[in-house]
Protein backbone atom coordinates (compact mmCIF):
# COMPACT_ATOMS: atom_id res chain seq x y z
CA MET A 1 130.62 -20.43 -28.97
CA ILE A 2 131.08 -23.20 -31.37
CA VAL A 3 132.07 -22.32 -34.94
CA LEU A 4 131.53 -24.67 -37.77
CA TYR A 5 133.75 -23.96 -40.79
CA SER A 6 132.55 -25.70 -44.12
CA TYR A 7 131.87 -25.01 -47.65
CA PRO A 8 129.33 -23.10 -48.84
CA GLU A 9 125.58 -23.91 -49.40
CA LEU A 10 124.77 -25.19 -52.75
CA PHE A 11 121.27 -26.31 -54.25
CA GLY A 12 119.57 -25.00 -51.06
CA VAL A 13 121.68 -27.45 -48.86
CA ALA A 14 123.46 -25.97 -45.68
CA ASP A 15 126.83 -27.40 -46.94
CA ASN A 16 127.71 -28.72 -50.28
CA ASN A 17 130.00 -31.62 -49.01
CA GLY A 18 128.36 -34.48 -47.34
CA TYR A 19 130.66 -34.38 -44.18
CA GLY A 20 129.92 -30.73 -43.56
CA LEU A 21 126.05 -31.46 -44.05
CA LYS A 22 126.61 -34.33 -41.36
CA VAL A 23 128.15 -32.13 -38.93
CA PHE A 24 125.56 -29.29 -39.32
CA ALA A 25 122.83 -31.53 -39.16
CA PHE A 26 124.03 -33.45 -35.98
CA MET A 27 124.69 -29.90 -34.32
CA ARG A 28 121.18 -29.04 -35.18
CA LEU A 29 119.64 -32.25 -33.75
CA ALA A 30 121.51 -31.74 -30.75
CA ARG A 31 120.20 -28.13 -30.41
CA LEU A 32 123.90 -27.08 -29.74
CA PRO A 33 124.17 -23.16 -30.47
CA PHE A 34 126.73 -22.52 -33.02
CA THR A 35 127.82 -20.12 -35.86
CA HIS A 36 128.44 -21.60 -39.41
CA GLU A 37 130.92 -20.06 -41.48
CA HIS A 38 131.36 -20.79 -45.16
CA ILE A 39 135.10 -20.89 -46.45
CA PHE A 40 136.83 -22.30 -49.23
CA ASP A 41 140.42 -22.03 -47.84
CA ALA A 42 140.84 -24.94 -45.46
CA SER A 43 144.51 -24.04 -44.50
CA ALA A 44 143.65 -23.48 -40.92
CA ALA A 45 141.81 -26.66 -40.79
CA PRO A 46 143.28 -29.76 -39.06
CA ARG A 47 144.84 -31.77 -42.27
CA GLY A 48 143.69 -29.16 -44.41
CA GLN A 49 140.21 -30.55 -44.84
CA LEU A 50 136.81 -29.17 -44.29
CA PRO A 51 134.66 -29.48 -42.22
CA TYR A 52 136.26 -28.46 -38.83
CA ILE A 53 135.04 -26.68 -35.78
CA THR A 54 136.46 -24.34 -33.09
CA ASP A 55 135.13 -24.98 -29.45
CA ASP A 56 136.35 -22.81 -26.79
CA GLY A 57 139.89 -22.60 -28.31
CA ALA A 58 140.09 -26.32 -29.55
CA THR A 59 140.24 -26.87 -33.45
CA ILE A 60 138.85 -30.33 -34.32
CA GLY A 61 138.64 -31.76 -37.74
CA ASP A 62 137.00 -34.70 -39.24
CA SER A 63 133.36 -35.09 -38.96
CA GLU A 64 133.48 -38.31 -36.97
CA ASN A 65 135.80 -36.71 -34.62
CA ILE A 66 133.98 -33.44 -34.45
CA ILE A 67 130.77 -35.52 -33.50
CA ALA A 68 132.82 -37.61 -30.85
CA HIS A 69 134.02 -34.51 -29.29
CA LEU A 70 130.72 -32.74 -29.26
CA THR A 71 129.11 -35.56 -27.74
CA SER A 72 131.67 -36.20 -25.06
CA LYS A 73 132.30 -32.54 -24.14
CA HIS A 74 128.62 -31.31 -24.14
CA ARG A 75 127.54 -34.73 -22.68
CA LEU A 76 125.04 -34.99 -25.53
CA THR A 77 122.55 -38.05 -25.19
CA ILE A 78 121.16 -37.92 -28.56
CA ASP A 79 121.86 -41.82 -29.10
CA ALA A 80 121.40 -42.83 -25.44
CA ALA A 81 118.02 -44.38 -26.05
CA LEU A 82 119.17 -46.75 -28.84
CA ASN A 83 119.59 -50.30 -28.56
CA GLN A 84 122.52 -52.35 -30.10
CA GLN A 85 120.46 -53.29 -33.24
CA GLN A 86 119.60 -49.38 -33.69
CA CYS A 87 123.46 -48.59 -33.06
CA ASP A 88 124.40 -51.08 -35.63
CA THR A 89 121.99 -49.78 -38.11
CA SER A 90 123.16 -46.25 -37.52
CA HIS A 91 126.68 -47.15 -38.12
CA LEU A 92 125.69 -48.98 -41.41
CA ILE A 93 123.62 -45.97 -42.50
CA THR A 94 126.56 -43.64 -41.67
CA ARG A 95 129.08 -45.41 -43.41
CA MET A 96 126.88 -45.87 -46.64
CA LEU A 97 126.22 -42.26 -46.85
CA ASP A 98 129.94 -41.32 -46.12
CA ASP A 99 130.89 -43.57 -49.13
CA LEU A 100 128.26 -41.63 -51.28
CA TYR A 101 130.85 -38.72 -51.25
CA TRP A 102 132.95 -40.40 -53.85
CA VAL A 103 129.80 -41.04 -56.05
CA MET A 104 128.64 -37.51 -55.67
CA SER A 105 132.25 -35.99 -56.22
CA TYR A 106 132.42 -38.25 -59.60
CA SER A 107 128.95 -36.96 -60.70
CA ARG A 108 129.84 -33.27 -59.80
CA TRP A 109 133.14 -32.90 -61.50
CA LYS A 110 133.71 -35.78 -64.12
CA ASP A 111 130.23 -36.83 -65.41
CA GLU A 112 129.38 -34.66 -68.40
CA ARG A 113 125.44 -34.81 -67.58
CA TYR A 114 125.95 -32.98 -64.06
CA TRP A 115 129.10 -31.23 -64.36
CA PRO A 116 127.49 -27.92 -66.19
CA ALA A 117 124.91 -27.70 -63.69
CA PHE A 118 127.22 -28.10 -60.77
CA ARG A 119 130.03 -25.73 -62.03
CA ASP A 120 127.24 -23.05 -63.07
CA ALA A 121 125.90 -23.31 -59.58
CA LEU A 122 129.07 -23.07 -57.69
CA MET A 123 130.14 -20.19 -59.67
CA ARG A 124 126.85 -18.33 -59.10
CA SER A 125 126.66 -19.25 -55.46
CA THR A 126 130.32 -18.17 -54.88
CA LEU A 127 130.61 -15.10 -56.85
CA ARG A 128 127.38 -13.40 -55.72
CA SER A 129 128.31 -14.09 -51.91
CA SER A 130 128.83 -10.70 -50.26
CA ASN A 131 131.45 -12.14 -47.78
CA LEU A 132 133.92 -13.44 -50.27
CA SER A 133 137.28 -11.80 -50.04
CA CYS A 134 139.22 -10.58 -53.20
CA ARG A 135 141.47 -13.73 -52.56
CA ARG A 136 138.37 -16.24 -52.76
CA ARG A 137 137.21 -14.28 -55.73
CA THR A 138 140.62 -14.89 -57.40
CA TRP A 139 140.47 -18.39 -56.47
CA CYS A 140 137.17 -18.79 -58.24
CA ALA A 141 138.13 -17.23 -61.59
CA THR A 142 141.34 -19.43 -61.51
CA ALA A 143 139.37 -22.67 -60.67
CA ALA A 144 137.00 -21.44 -63.43
CA ARG A 145 139.87 -21.64 -65.95
CA PHE A 146 141.15 -24.94 -65.20
CA MET A 147 137.71 -26.45 -64.75
CA LYS A 148 136.80 -25.61 -68.08
CA ARG A 149 136.45 -28.35 -70.97
């Protein structure tokens, strides 16, 4: 069974990080059975970053590497019918959406217009989650102190 490890959902979206959402959406579109574990601690992840997957004992990080692994291992043909122009367009859109990560990060963490909504939603989502460990709750309390402006 494939397990996807990524950040918790926020604002009704399956993952509050674009890279995790990309993997989640790919796996759903490819109809791969998987379990989705929401975590904050990325210490077990390759390069210490989310998202990552475990697939039959293999641990794979980086959204593009994950998609390449899944496509190869599970012989997925999700893009097989695309012509060269469509493949080029897919690549362009993927790169543009990946680069939006930096805009989203700035808006969430630095822009005073959006920071309060993001902070409050993150704290509500994190603290009400019933599967958070004490260590994660401690992380949230510590993060809240540092995030105050």
